[in-house]
Amino acid sequence: MIPKRWQGVNACAPVNLPLPAARKCAEEKKDEGKGMSTYQNRTAKLIAALGILGLMMVCSVPKVSAQVTTFSDANYSGRYGCELSFDEDFFTAVYKYNPDGAGGYANGTMIGSLNNFVTPYDNTNPAGQFCTFFLETAASAYSVAANGIGNEILLWTPSIANPAGCPIFGFIDETFIALRNITSGPPAGASIRAEVADRNLFGIDPLGDAGHGSCLK
């Protein structure tokens, strides 16, 4: 029971208290200070972590230069990965090549599914179900007009290591390309994307089967 002389008195008020009550009040204030300090410390760490994460995200975004308004062969330069398809995507291919910025190519490789040419599929050898073609750079060329529209003549020859059923003859593929006006490096000023209209993928139809695709840098 609380003595009458202490009734109605705030236990933490600045009055002369017996030693146990004063010590209890000091410990409560100390614990409260620790809790506030821990909360502030955690908040500061969270803010710092968010700041570092934001900086990493900014640094990871590729720098893009200003948009270009006048194009040339130089805007199609570097290594591009492309995809093409035609006949309602029944025939498909992917390829990588290196336009040199001067109307030619450094190298190129195209891969198409063997299903494009042979219906059966061997599930025991997935890697052997594709046909590889190499770009004959000396016989291939491109040009880009000032409006960003260009055309290509690409000579592809089959790999001698292709599985049976792949084409044994090369083919000349003609495409039109439309360069996007957003550029990035390296090299500086190279378009990061091109839309492709294809005329004769795989050389299947002498009259040319229209196809489409895109290339990304």
N, C-alpha and C. Protein backbone atom coordinates (compact mmCIF):
# COMPACT_ATOMS: atom_id res chain seq x y z
N MET A 1 0.86 -1.19 0.00
CA MET A 1 0.00 0.00 0.00
C MET A 1 0.89 1.23 0.00
N ILE A 2 0.49 2.27 -0.80
CA ILE A 2 1.30 3.50 -0.90
C ILE A 2 1.03 4.36 0.33
N PRO A 3 2.09 4.80 1.00
CA PRO A 3 1.91 5.68 2.17
C PRO A 3 1.16 6.93 1.79
N LYS A 4 0.42 7.50 2.77
CA LYS A 4 -0.39 8.68 2.50
C LYS A 4 0.46 9.84 2.01
N ARG A 5 1.70 9.95 2.47
CA ARG A 5 2.52 11.10 2.09
C ARG A 5 3.00 11.03 0.65
N TRP A 6 2.82 9.82 0.00
CA TRP A 6 3.24 9.69 -1.40
C TRP A 6 2.06 9.67 -2.37
N GLN A 7 0.82 9.55 -1.81
CA GLN A 7 -0.34 9.48 -2.67
C GLN A 7 -0.53 10.79 -3.43
N GLY A 8 -0.83 10.68 -4.80
CA GLY A 8 -1.04 11.85 -5.64
C GLY A 8 0.24 12.50 -6.10
N VAL A 9 1.39 11.86 -5.83
CA VAL A 9 2.69 12.43 -6.23
C VAL A 9 3.21 11.65 -7.43
N ASN A 10 3.68 12.34 -8.49
CA ASN A 10 4.29 11.72 -9.68
C ASN A 10 5.62 11.10 -9.26
N ALA A 11 5.74 9.81 -9.55
CA ALA A 11 6.94 9.10 -9.08
C ALA A 11 8.19 9.62 -9.71
N CYS A 12 8.09 10.24 -10.93
CA CYS A 12 9.27 10.75 -11.62
C CYS A 12 9.39 12.25 -11.49
N ALA A 13 8.58 12.89 -10.66
CA ALA A 13 8.67 14.35 -10.49
C ALA A 13 9.92 14.68 -9.71
N PRO A 14 10.46 15.89 -9.91
CA PRO A 14 11.70 16.31 -9.22
C PRO A 14 11.44 16.60 -7.75
N VAL A 15 11.24 15.57 -6.97
CA VAL A 15 11.07 15.71 -5.52
C VAL A 15 12.06 14.80 -4.85
N ASN A 16 12.24 14.98 -3.60
CA ASN A 16 13.16 14.13 -2.85
C ASN A 16 12.50 12.78 -2.64
N LEU A 17 13.00 11.76 -3.33
CA LEU A 17 12.45 10.42 -3.25
C LEU A 17 13.42 9.51 -2.54
N PRO A 18 12.90 8.48 -2.02
CA PRO A 18 13.82 7.47 -1.47
C PRO A 18 14.69 6.92 -2.59
N LEU A 19 15.87 6.46 -2.28
CA LEU A 19 16.86 6.00 -3.25
C LEU A 19 16.31 4.96 -4.21
N PRO A 20 15.54 3.95 -3.82
CA PRO A 20 15.05 2.96 -4.79
C PRO A 20 14.17 3.57 -5.86
N ALA A 21 13.25 4.49 -5.49
CA ALA A 21 12.36 5.10 -6.48
C ALA A 21 13.15 5.97 -7.45
N ALA A 22 14.10 6.73 -6.98
CA ALA A 22 14.92 7.60 -7.85
C ALA A 22 15.73 6.76 -8.81
N ARG A 23 16.30 5.65 -8.33
CA ARG A 23 17.09 4.79 -9.20
C ARG A 23 16.21 4.17 -10.29
N LYS A 24 14.96 3.78 -9.93
CA LYS A 24 14.04 3.19 -10.91
C LYS A 24 13.70 4.20 -11.99
N CYS A 25 13.46 5.45 -11.60
CA CYS A 25 13.12 6.49 -12.57
C CYS A 25 14.28 6.73 -13.53
N ALA A 26 15.51 6.75 -13.03
CA ALA A 26 16.69 6.98 -13.87
C ALA A 26 16.87 5.83 -14.86
N GLU A 27 16.63 4.61 -14.40
CA GLU A 27 16.79 3.46 -15.28
C GLU A 27 15.75 3.48 -16.39
N GLU A 28 14.51 3.91 -16.06
CA GLU A 28 13.47 3.99 -17.10
C GLU A 28 13.85 4.99 -18.17
N LYS A 29 14.36 6.15 -17.77
CA LYS A 29 14.78 7.17 -18.73
C LYS A 29 15.96 6.66 -19.57
N LYS A 30 16.86 5.91 -18.94
CA LYS A 30 18.01 5.37 -19.65
C LYS A 30 17.57 4.37 -20.71
N ASP A 31 16.63 3.48 -20.34
CA ASP A 31 16.12 2.50 -21.29
C ASP A 31 15.40 3.18 -22.44
N GLU A 32 14.65 4.25 -22.12
CA GLU A 32 13.94 4.99 -23.17
C GLU A 32 14.92 5.62 -24.13
N GLY A 33 16.03 6.13 -23.61
CA GLY A 33 17.07 6.72 -24.46
C GLY A 33 17.72 5.69 -25.36
N LYS A 34 17.95 4.48 -24.80
CA LYS A 34 18.52 3.41 -25.62
C LYS A 34 17.60 3.04 -26.76
N GLY A 35 16.30 2.94 -26.48
CA GLY A 35 15.34 2.58 -27.53
C GLY A 35 15.32 3.61 -28.64
N MET A 36 15.33 4.90 -28.28
CA MET A 36 15.33 5.96 -29.27
C MET A 36 16.62 5.93 -30.09
N SER A 37 17.76 5.68 -29.41
CA SER A 37 19.04 5.63 -30.11
C SER A 37 19.07 4.48 -31.11
N THR A 38 18.55 3.32 -30.71
CA THR A 38 18.52 2.16 -31.61
C THR A 38 17.64 2.44 -32.82
N TYR A 39 16.48 3.08 -32.59
CA TYR A 39 15.57 3.41 -33.70
C TYR A 39 16.24 4.38 -34.66
N GLN A 40 16.90 5.41 -34.12
CA GLN A 40 17.57 6.39 -34.97
C GLN A 40 18.70 5.74 -35.76
N ASN A 41 19.44 4.83 -35.12
CA ASN A 41 20.54 4.15 -35.79
C ASN A 41 20.04 3.29 -36.94
N ARG A 42 18.95 2.55 -36.70
CA ARG A 42 18.39 1.71 -37.76
C ARG A 42 17.86 2.56 -38.91
N THR A 43 17.22 3.67 -38.57
CA THR A 43 16.70 4.55 -39.61
C THR A 43 17.82 5.11 -40.47
N ALA A 44 18.93 5.51 -39.83
CA ALA A 44 20.07 6.05 -40.57
C ALA A 44 20.67 5.00 -41.49
N LYS A 45 20.77 3.75 -41.01
CA LYS A 45 21.32 2.68 -41.84
C LYS A 45 20.41 2.40 -43.03
N LEU A 46 19.08 2.43 -42.81
CA LEU A 46 18.14 2.19 -43.90
C LEU A 46 18.25 3.28 -44.96
N ILE A 47 18.34 4.53 -44.53
CA ILE A 47 18.47 5.63 -45.48
C ILE A 47 19.76 5.50 -46.27
N ALA A 48 20.86 5.12 -45.59
CA ALA A 48 22.14 4.95 -46.28
C ALA A 48 22.07 3.82 -47.29
N ALA A 49 21.42 2.70 -46.92
CA ALA A 49 21.30 1.57 -47.84
C ALA A 49 20.48 1.94 -49.06
N LEU A 50 19.39 2.66 -48.85
CA LEU A 50 18.57 3.10 -49.98
C LEU A 50 19.35 4.04 -50.89
N GLY A 51 20.17 4.89 -50.28
CA GLY A 51 20.98 5.80 -51.08
C GLY A 51 21.98 5.06 -51.94
N ILE A 52 22.63 4.04 -51.38
CA ILE A 52 23.59 3.24 -52.14
C ILE A 52 22.90 2.47 -53.25
N LEU A 53 21.72 1.90 -52.95
CA LEU A 53 20.96 1.17 -53.97
C LEU A 53 20.58 2.09 -55.12
N GLY A 54 20.12 3.30 -54.80
CA GLY A 54 19.76 4.25 -55.85
C GLY A 54 20.95 4.62 -56.71
N LEU A 55 22.12 4.79 -56.08
CA LEU A 55 23.33 5.12 -56.84
C LEU A 55 23.72 3.99 -57.75
N MET A 56 23.58 2.73 -57.27
CA MET A 56 23.92 1.57 -58.10
C MET A 56 22.99 1.48 -59.31
N MET A 57 21.70 1.78 -59.10
CA MET A 57 20.75 1.72 -60.20
C MET A 57 21.05 2.77 -61.24
N VAL A 58 21.43 3.95 -60.79
CA VAL A 58 21.78 5.03 -61.73
C VAL A 58 23.00 4.65 -62.53
N CYS A 59 24.00 4.06 -61.85
CA CYS A 59 25.24 3.71 -62.53
C CYS A 59 25.05 2.55 -63.48
N SER A 60 24.04 1.69 -63.25
CA SER A 60 23.84 0.51 -64.09
C SER A 60 23.08 0.84 -65.37
N VAL A 61 22.44 2.00 -65.46
CA VAL A 61 21.70 2.38 -66.66
C VAL A 61 22.67 2.83 -67.73
N PRO A 62 22.64 2.23 -68.93
CA PRO A 62 23.57 2.65 -69.98
C PRO A 62 23.33 4.09 -70.38
N LYS A 63 24.41 4.80 -70.58
CA LYS A 63 24.31 6.19 -70.99
C LYS A 63 23.92 6.27 -72.46
N VAL A 64 22.94 7.07 -72.73
CA VAL A 64 22.43 7.23 -74.08
C VAL A 64 22.68 8.66 -74.53
N SER A 65 23.20 8.79 -75.74
CA SER A 65 23.50 10.12 -76.24
C SER A 65 22.25 10.77 -76.79
N ALA A 66 22.39 12.00 -77.28
CA ALA A 66 21.27 12.71 -77.85
C ALA A 66 20.81 12.02 -79.13
N GLN A 67 19.55 12.23 -79.46
CA GLN A 67 19.01 11.63 -80.68
C GLN A 67 19.64 12.28 -81.90
N VAL A 68 19.82 11.46 -82.93
CA VAL A 68 20.41 11.95 -84.17
C VAL A 68 19.31 12.21 -85.17
N THR A 69 19.55 13.14 -86.07
CA THR A 69 18.56 13.49 -87.10
C THR A 69 19.04 13.16 -88.49
N THR A 70 20.34 13.03 -88.67
CA THR A 70 20.90 12.68 -89.98
C THR A 70 21.79 11.46 -89.81
N PHE A 71 21.53 10.43 -90.61
CA PHE A 71 22.23 9.16 -90.49
C PHE A 71 23.24 8.96 -91.62
N SER A 72 24.09 7.95 -91.40
CA SER A 72 25.05 7.52 -92.42
C SER A 72 25.46 6.09 -92.10
N ASP A 73 26.33 5.51 -92.90
CA ASP A 73 26.82 4.16 -92.64
C ASP A 73 27.45 4.05 -91.25
N ALA A 74 28.02 5.14 -90.77
CA ALA A 74 28.72 5.13 -89.49
C ALA A 74 27.80 4.82 -88.31
N ASN A 75 26.50 5.08 -88.45
CA ASN A 75 25.58 4.83 -87.36
C ASN A 75 25.23 3.36 -87.19
N TYR A 76 25.62 2.53 -88.16
CA TYR A 76 25.41 1.09 -88.05
C TYR A 76 26.77 0.44 -87.87
N SER A 77 27.17 0.31 -86.62
CA SER A 77 28.54 -0.13 -86.34
C SER A 77 28.60 -0.80 -84.98
N GLY A 78 29.38 -1.86 -84.89
CA GLY A 78 29.52 -2.60 -83.64
C GLY A 78 28.90 -3.98 -83.77
N ARG A 79 28.62 -4.61 -82.64
CA ARG A 79 28.09 -5.97 -82.64
C ARG A 79 26.60 -5.95 -82.36
N TYR A 80 25.82 -6.58 -83.24
CA TYR A 80 24.37 -6.63 -83.10
C TYR A 80 23.88 -8.07 -83.04
N GLY A 81 22.86 -8.29 -82.22
CA GLY A 81 22.15 -9.56 -82.18
C GLY A 81 20.78 -9.37 -82.82
N CYS A 82 20.43 -10.25 -83.76
CA CYS A 82 19.21 -10.07 -84.55
C CYS A 82 18.35 -11.33 -84.53
N GLU A 83 17.06 -11.13 -84.78
CA GLU A 83 16.13 -12.24 -84.98
C GLU A 83 15.27 -11.96 -86.19
N LEU A 84 14.99 -13.02 -86.95
CA LEU A 84 14.19 -12.91 -88.16
C LEU A 84 13.19 -14.05 -88.21
N SER A 85 12.06 -13.81 -88.83
CA SER A 85 11.07 -14.87 -89.03
C SER A 85 10.21 -14.53 -90.23
N PHE A 86 9.61 -15.57 -90.82
CA PHE A 86 8.65 -15.34 -91.90
C PHE A 86 7.68 -16.52 -91.95
N ASP A 87 6.70 -16.43 -92.83
CA ASP A 87 5.65 -17.44 -92.95
C ASP A 87 4.96 -17.63 -91.60
N GLU A 88 4.49 -16.51 -91.05
CA GLU A 88 3.79 -16.50 -89.76
C GLU A 88 4.63 -17.15 -88.66
N ASP A 89 5.92 -16.81 -88.66
CA ASP A 89 6.88 -17.27 -87.65
C ASP A 89 7.16 -18.77 -87.71
N PHE A 90 6.80 -19.42 -88.81
CA PHE A 90 7.14 -20.85 -88.94
C PHE A 90 8.64 -21.01 -89.14
N PHE A 91 9.23 -20.13 -89.93
CA PHE A 91 10.68 -20.14 -90.14
C PHE A 91 11.30 -19.04 -89.29
N THR A 92 12.29 -19.41 -88.51
CA THR A 92 12.93 -18.44 -87.62
C THR A 92 14.44 -18.60 -87.66
N ALA A 93 15.12 -17.52 -87.34
CA ALA A 93 16.59 -17.54 -87.28
C ALA A 93 17.06 -16.44 -86.35
N VAL A 94 18.22 -16.65 -85.77
CA VAL A 94 18.91 -15.61 -85.01
C VAL A 94 20.31 -15.49 -85.58
N TYR A 95 20.85 -14.28 -85.52
CA TYR A 95 22.23 -14.12 -85.99
C TYR A 95 22.89 -12.94 -85.29
N LYS A 96 24.20 -13.01 -85.29
CA LYS A 96 25.02 -11.90 -84.78
C LYS A 96 26.01 -11.52 -85.87
N TYR A 97 26.17 -10.21 -86.03
CA TYR A 97 27.19 -9.77 -86.98
C TYR A 97 27.71 -8.41 -86.57
N ASN A 98 28.77 -8.00 -87.25
CA ASN A 98 29.45 -6.76 -86.90
C ASN A 98 29.52 -5.82 -88.10
N PRO A 99 28.54 -4.95 -88.31
CA PRO A 99 28.70 -3.90 -89.31
C PRO A 99 29.90 -3.03 -88.91
N ASP A 100 30.69 -2.63 -89.90
CA ASP A 100 31.93 -1.93 -89.57
C ASP A 100 31.83 -0.41 -89.61
N GLY A 101 30.63 0.13 -89.85
CA GLY A 101 30.48 1.57 -89.90
C GLY A 101 30.89 2.18 -91.22
N ALA A 102 31.27 1.33 -92.19
CA ALA A 102 31.73 1.84 -93.49
C ALA A 102 31.12 1.05 -94.64
N GLY A 103 29.98 0.39 -94.40
CA GLY A 103 29.30 -0.33 -95.47
C GLY A 103 29.67 -1.79 -95.59
N GLY A 104 30.51 -2.31 -94.70
CA GLY A 104 30.91 -3.71 -94.74
C GLY A 104 30.69 -4.39 -93.39
N TYR A 105 31.19 -5.62 -93.27
CA TYR A 105 31.01 -6.39 -92.05
C TYR A 105 32.33 -7.05 -91.65
N ALA A 106 32.52 -7.18 -90.35
CA ALA A 106 33.72 -7.85 -89.85
C ALA A 106 33.51 -9.36 -89.80
N ASN A 107 32.33 -9.80 -89.38
CA ASN A 107 32.01 -11.23 -89.31
C ASN A 107 30.52 -11.40 -89.06
N GLY A 108 30.05 -12.63 -89.08
CA GLY A 108 28.64 -12.88 -88.81
C GLY A 108 28.33 -14.36 -88.77
N THR A 109 27.39 -14.76 -87.91
CA THR A 109 26.95 -16.14 -87.78
C THR A 109 25.43 -16.18 -87.63
N MET A 110 24.79 -17.04 -88.41
CA MET A 110 23.34 -17.22 -88.34
C MET A 110 23.03 -18.66 -87.94
N ILE A 111 22.00 -18.83 -87.11
CA ILE A 111 21.56 -20.16 -86.69
C ILE A 111 20.06 -20.27 -86.88
N GLY A 112 19.63 -21.33 -87.56
CA GLY A 112 18.21 -21.59 -87.76
C GLY A 112 17.87 -23.00 -87.32
N SER A 113 16.63 -23.21 -86.97
CA SER A 113 16.19 -24.53 -86.52
C SER A 113 16.16 -25.53 -87.68
N LEU A 114 16.61 -26.76 -87.42
CA LEU A 114 16.55 -27.81 -88.42
C LEU A 114 15.11 -28.11 -88.80
N ASN A 115 14.18 -27.83 -87.90
CA ASN A 115 12.76 -28.02 -88.20
C ASN A 115 12.30 -27.16 -89.37
N ASN A 116 13.09 -26.13 -89.70
CA ASN A 116 12.76 -25.33 -90.87
C ASN A 116 12.84 -26.17 -92.15
N PHE A 117 13.64 -27.23 -92.11
CA PHE A 117 13.91 -28.00 -93.32
C PHE A 117 13.53 -29.47 -93.20
N VAL A 118 13.57 -30.01 -91.98
CA VAL A 118 13.25 -31.42 -91.74
C VAL A 118 12.23 -31.47 -90.62
N THR A 119 11.13 -32.20 -90.83
CA THR A 119 10.06 -32.22 -89.83
C THR A 119 10.42 -32.98 -88.56
N PRO A 120 10.98 -34.21 -88.64
CA PRO A 120 11.27 -34.95 -87.40
C PRO A 120 12.25 -34.19 -86.51
N TYR A 121 12.08 -34.35 -85.21
CA TYR A 121 12.97 -33.72 -84.23
C TYR A 121 13.53 -34.78 -83.30
N ASP A 122 14.84 -34.78 -83.14
CA ASP A 122 15.52 -35.78 -82.30
C ASP A 122 15.74 -35.19 -80.92
N ASN A 123 14.93 -35.64 -79.96
CA ASN A 123 15.05 -35.12 -78.60
C ASN A 123 16.32 -35.57 -77.89
N THR A 124 16.99 -36.58 -78.43
CA THR A 124 18.20 -37.08 -77.77
C THR A 124 19.42 -36.23 -78.09
N ASN A 125 19.30 -35.35 -79.09
CA ASN A 125 20.45 -34.52 -79.48
C ASN A 125 19.99 -33.10 -79.82
N PRO A 126 19.57 -32.33 -78.82
CA PRO A 126 19.06 -30.99 -79.09
C PRO A 126 20.05 -30.09 -79.82
N ALA A 127 21.33 -30.20 -79.47
CA ALA A 127 22.33 -29.34 -80.09
C ALA A 127 22.48 -29.62 -81.57
N GLY A 128 22.12 -30.83 -82.00
CA GLY A 128 22.27 -31.19 -83.40
C GLY A 128 21.03 -30.88 -84.23
N GLN A 129 20.12 -30.08 -83.68
CA GLN A 129 18.88 -29.77 -84.37
C GLN A 129 18.87 -28.35 -84.94
N PHE A 130 20.07 -27.82 -85.19
CA PHE A 130 20.17 -26.46 -85.71
C PHE A 130 21.15 -26.40 -86.87
N CYS A 131 20.89 -25.47 -87.77
CA CYS A 131 21.74 -25.25 -88.94
C CYS A 131 22.49 -23.94 -88.77
N THR A 132 23.80 -23.98 -89.00
CA THR A 132 24.64 -22.80 -88.83
C THR A 132 25.12 -22.29 -90.19
N PHE A 133 25.12 -20.97 -90.33
CA PHE A 133 25.59 -20.32 -91.56
C PHE A 133 26.59 -19.22 -91.17
N PHE A 134 27.56 -19.00 -92.04
CA PHE A 134 28.55 -17.96 -91.80
C PHE A 134 28.45 -16.88 -92.87
N LEU A 135 28.64 -15.65 -92.46
CA LEU A 135 28.54 -14.52 -93.38
C LEU A 135 29.83 -14.39 -94.19
N GLU A 136 29.68 -14.37 -95.51
CA GLU A 136 30.82 -14.11 -96.38
C GLU A 136 31.00 -12.59 -96.46
N THR A 137 31.90 -12.08 -95.65
CA THR A 137 32.02 -10.63 -95.51
C THR A 137 32.47 -9.94 -96.80
N ALA A 138 33.29 -10.62 -97.59
CA ALA A 138 33.79 -9.99 -98.81
C ALA A 138 32.69 -9.78 -99.84
N ALA A 139 31.62 -10.57 -99.75
CA ALA A 139 30.53 -10.48 -100.72
C ALA A 139 29.28 -9.85 -100.12
N SER A 140 29.39 -9.25 -98.94
CA SER A 140 28.23 -8.65 -98.26
C SER A 140 28.47 -7.16 -98.06
N ALA A 141 27.39 -6.39 -98.08
CA ALA A 141 27.54 -4.94 -97.95
C ALA A 141 26.22 -4.33 -97.48
N TYR A 142 26.30 -3.10 -96.98
CA TYR A 142 25.10 -2.36 -96.60
C TYR A 142 25.33 -0.89 -96.87
N SER A 143 24.24 -0.14 -96.89
CA SER A 143 24.31 1.32 -97.01
C SER A 143 23.14 1.91 -96.25
N VAL A 144 23.36 3.07 -95.65
CA VAL A 144 22.34 3.75 -94.85
C VAL A 144 22.16 5.17 -95.38
N ALA A 145 20.92 5.53 -95.67
CA ALA A 145 20.63 6.87 -96.17
C ALA A 145 20.51 7.86 -95.01
N ALA A 146 20.41 9.13 -95.34
CA ALA A 146 20.37 10.18 -94.32
C ALA A 146 19.14 10.08 -93.42
N ASN A 147 18.07 9.45 -93.92
CA ASN A 147 16.86 9.30 -93.10
C ASN A 147 16.88 8.06 -92.20
N GLY A 148 17.96 7.30 -92.22
CA GLY A 148 18.10 6.13 -91.36
C GLY A 148 17.61 4.84 -91.97
N ILE A 149 17.12 4.89 -93.23
CA ILE A 149 16.71 3.67 -93.93
C ILE A 149 17.88 3.14 -94.74
N GLY A 150 18.15 1.85 -94.60
CA GLY A 150 19.28 1.26 -95.32
C GLY A 150 18.91 -0.08 -95.92
N ASN A 151 19.78 -0.60 -96.76
CA ASN A 151 19.57 -1.93 -97.32
C ASN A 151 20.84 -2.75 -97.19
N GLU A 152 20.67 -4.08 -97.13
CA GLU A 152 21.78 -5.00 -96.97
C GLU A 152 21.71 -6.10 -98.04
N ILE A 153 22.86 -6.55 -98.45
CA ILE A 153 23.00 -7.76 -99.25
C ILE A 153 23.93 -8.68 -98.48
N LEU A 154 23.40 -9.80 -98.01
CA LEU A 154 24.14 -10.70 -97.12
C LEU A 154 24.27 -12.07 -97.77
N LEU A 155 25.48 -12.54 -97.92
CA LEU A 155 25.75 -13.87 -98.46
C LEU A 155 26.09 -14.80 -97.30
N TRP A 156 25.23 -15.81 -97.09
CA TRP A 156 25.42 -16.77 -96.02
C TRP A 156 25.79 -18.14 -96.61
N THR A 157 26.80 -18.78 -96.04
CA THR A 157 27.21 -20.12 -96.48
C THR A 157 27.07 -21.09 -95.31
N PRO A 158 26.61 -22.33 -95.58
CA PRO A 158 26.37 -23.28 -94.50
C PRO A 158 27.68 -23.83 -93.92
N SER A 159 27.62 -24.18 -92.65
CA SER A 159 28.76 -24.82 -92.00
C SER A 159 28.88 -26.26 -92.48
N ILE A 160 30.11 -26.72 -92.65
CA ILE A 160 30.32 -28.10 -93.08
C ILE A 160 30.00 -29.08 -91.96
N ALA A 161 29.83 -28.57 -90.74
CA ALA A 161 29.51 -29.43 -89.60
C ALA A 161 28.01 -29.55 -89.35
N ASN A 162 27.19 -28.98 -90.23
CA ASN A 162 25.75 -29.04 -90.04
C ASN A 162 25.22 -30.46 -90.10
N PRO A 163 24.16 -30.77 -89.36
CA PRO A 163 23.56 -32.12 -89.44
C PRO A 163 22.85 -32.32 -90.77
N ALA A 164 22.58 -33.56 -91.07
CA ALA A 164 21.86 -33.89 -92.30
C ALA A 164 20.48 -33.23 -92.31
N GLY A 165 20.10 -32.72 -93.45
CA GLY A 165 18.82 -32.05 -93.57
C GLY A 165 18.96 -30.55 -93.70
N CYS A 166 20.10 -30.00 -93.24
CA CYS A 166 20.33 -28.56 -93.39
C CYS A 166 20.67 -28.25 -94.85
N PRO A 167 20.41 -27.03 -95.30
CA PRO A 167 20.78 -26.66 -96.67
C PRO A 167 22.27 -26.85 -96.92
N ILE A 168 22.60 -27.34 -98.10
CA ILE A 168 24.02 -27.56 -98.43
C ILE A 168 24.56 -26.44 -99.32
N PHE A 169 23.69 -25.51 -99.69
CA PHE A 169 24.13 -24.39 -100.50
C PHE A 169 23.92 -23.09 -99.74
N GLY A 170 24.73 -22.11 -100.08
CA GLY A 170 24.57 -20.80 -99.48
C GLY A 170 23.41 -20.06 -100.13
N PHE A 171 23.09 -18.90 -99.58
CA PHE A 171 22.01 -18.10 -100.15
C PHE A 171 22.31 -16.61 -99.94
N ILE A 172 21.77 -15.80 -100.83
CA ILE A 172 21.89 -14.35 -100.72
C ILE A 172 20.59 -13.81 -100.14
N ASP A 173 20.71 -13.13 -99.02
CA ASP A 173 19.55 -12.55 -98.36
C ASP A 173 19.59 -11.04 -98.50
N GLU A 174 18.48 -10.46 -98.86
CA GLU A 174 18.38 -9.01 -98.98
C GLU A 174 17.44 -8.49 -97.91
N THR A 175 17.86 -7.47 -97.21
CA THR A 175 17.02 -6.89 -96.17
C THR A 175 17.03 -5.37 -96.28
N PHE A 176 15.98 -4.78 -95.74
CA PHE A 176 15.97 -3.34 -95.51
C PHE A 176 16.00 -3.13 -94.00
N ILE A 177 16.73 -2.14 -93.58
CA ILE A 177 16.86 -1.84 -92.16
C ILE A 177 16.44 -0.40 -91.90
N ALA A 178 15.85 -0.19 -90.74
CA ALA A 178 15.47 1.15 -90.30
C ALA A 178 16.12 1.40 -88.95
N LEU A 179 17.08 2.29 -88.90
CA LEU A 179 17.81 2.55 -87.67
C LEU A 179 17.01 3.45 -86.74
N ARG A 180 17.01 3.11 -85.46
CA ARG A 180 16.42 3.98 -84.45
C ARG A 180 17.33 5.19 -84.26
N ASN A 181 16.73 6.32 -83.87
CA ASN A 181 17.52 7.54 -83.75
C ASN A 181 18.08 7.76 -82.35
N ILE A 182 18.09 6.71 -81.53
CA ILE A 182 18.76 6.77 -80.24
C ILE A 182 20.05 5.99 -80.35
N THR A 183 21.14 6.62 -79.99
CA THR A 183 22.45 6.01 -80.19
C THR A 183 23.17 5.78 -78.86
N SER A 184 24.13 4.89 -78.91
CA SER A 184 24.92 4.57 -77.73
C SER A 184 26.26 4.03 -78.18
N GLY A 185 27.24 4.06 -77.31
CA GLY A 185 28.54 3.52 -77.66
C GLY A 185 28.88 2.31 -76.82
N PRO A 186 30.07 1.71 -77.10
CA PRO A 186 30.92 2.04 -78.24
C PRO A 186 30.48 1.30 -79.51
N PRO A 187 30.84 1.79 -80.68
CA PRO A 187 31.45 3.10 -80.90
C PRO A 187 30.42 4.22 -80.75
N ALA A 188 30.87 5.40 -80.52
CA ALA A 188 29.98 6.53 -80.29
C ALA A 188 29.12 6.78 -81.52
N GLY A 189 27.84 7.05 -81.29
CA GLY A 189 26.94 7.38 -82.38
C GLY A 189 26.31 6.19 -83.07
N ALA A 190 26.53 4.98 -82.55
CA ALA A 190 25.95 3.78 -83.18
C ALA A 190 24.51 3.60 -82.70
N SER A 191 23.62 3.27 -83.63
CA SER A 191 22.21 3.05 -83.29
C SER A 191 22.09 1.80 -82.42
N ILE A 192 21.25 1.87 -81.39
CA ILE A 192 21.11 0.73 -80.49
C ILE A 192 20.12 -0.29 -81.02
N ARG A 193 19.34 0.08 -82.07
CA ARG A 193 18.35 -0.87 -82.59
C ARG A 193 18.05 -0.58 -84.05
N ALA A 194 17.73 -1.65 -84.78
CA ALA A 194 17.30 -1.53 -86.17
C ALA A 194 16.16 -2.48 -86.42
N GLU A 195 15.13 -2.02 -87.10
CA GLU A 195 14.04 -2.89 -87.54
C GLU A 195 14.40 -3.45 -88.92
N VAL A 196 14.08 -4.72 -89.14
CA VAL A 196 14.53 -5.41 -90.35
C VAL A 196 13.34 -5.97 -91.13
N ALA A 197 13.34 -5.72 -92.44
CA ALA A 197 12.40 -6.36 -93.37
C ALA A 197 13.22 -7.28 -94.27
N ASP A 198 12.91 -8.57 -94.24
CA ASP A 198 13.72 -9.57 -94.93
C ASP A 198 13.01 -10.06 -96.19
N ARG A 199 13.80 -10.35 -97.25
CA ARG A 199 13.21 -10.77 -98.52
C ARG A 199 13.35 -12.26 -98.79
N ASN A 200 14.44 -12.88 -98.34
CA ASN A 200 14.70 -14.25 -98.79
C ASN A 200 15.48 -15.04 -97.75
N LEU A 201 14.90 -15.18 -96.56
CA LEU A 201 15.57 -15.92 -95.50
C LEU A 201 15.76 -17.38 -95.88
N PHE A 202 16.97 -17.90 -95.71
CA PHE A 202 17.38 -19.27 -96.02
C PHE A 202 17.37 -19.59 -97.52
N GLY A 203 16.98 -18.62 -98.36
CA GLY A 203 16.96 -18.88 -99.79
C GLY A 203 15.98 -19.95 -100.19
N ILE A 204 14.93 -20.15 -99.43
CA ILE A 204 13.98 -21.23 -99.68
C ILE A 204 13.17 -20.98 -100.95
N ASP A 205 12.75 -19.74 -101.12
CA ASP A 205 11.92 -19.40 -102.27
C ASP A 205 12.70 -18.47 -103.19
N PRO A 206 12.97 -18.87 -104.44
CA PRO A 206 13.72 -17.99 -105.35
C PRO A 206 13.06 -16.63 -105.54
N LEU A 207 11.75 -16.58 -105.39
CA LEU A 207 11.05 -15.31 -105.54
C LEU A 207 11.12 -14.48 -104.26
N GLY A 208 11.54 -15.11 -103.20
CA GLY A 208 11.70 -14.37 -101.94
C GLY A 208 10.47 -14.47 -101.05
N ASP A 209 10.68 -14.92 -99.81
CA ASP A 209 9.61 -14.94 -98.81
C ASP A 209 9.82 -13.79 -97.85
N ALA A 210 8.84 -12.90 -97.80
CA ALA A 210 8.98 -11.73 -96.94
C ALA A 210 9.00 -12.13 -95.48
N GLY A 211 9.93 -11.53 -94.73
CA GLY A 211 10.03 -11.78 -93.30
C GLY A 211 10.28 -10.47 -92.56
N HIS A 212 10.45 -10.57 -91.28
CA HIS A 212 10.68 -9.36 -90.48
C HIS A 212 11.45 -9.73 -89.23
N GLY A 213 11.99 -8.72 -88.56
CA GLY A 213 12.74 -8.94 -87.33
C GLY A 213 13.33 -7.66 -86.82
N SER A 214 14.30 -7.78 -85.95
CA SER A 214 14.95 -6.61 -85.38
C SER A 214 16.35 -6.97 -84.92
N CYS A 215 17.17 -5.96 -84.79
CA CYS A 215 18.55 -6.12 -84.31
C CYS A 215 18.77 -5.19 -83.12
N LEU A 216 19.43 -5.70 -82.10
CA LEU A 216 19.74 -4.92 -80.90
C LEU A 216 21.24 -4.90 -80.68
N LYS A 217 21.73 -3.76 -80.28
CA LYS A 217 23.16 -3.63 -80.01
C LYS A 217 23.50 -4.14 -78.63
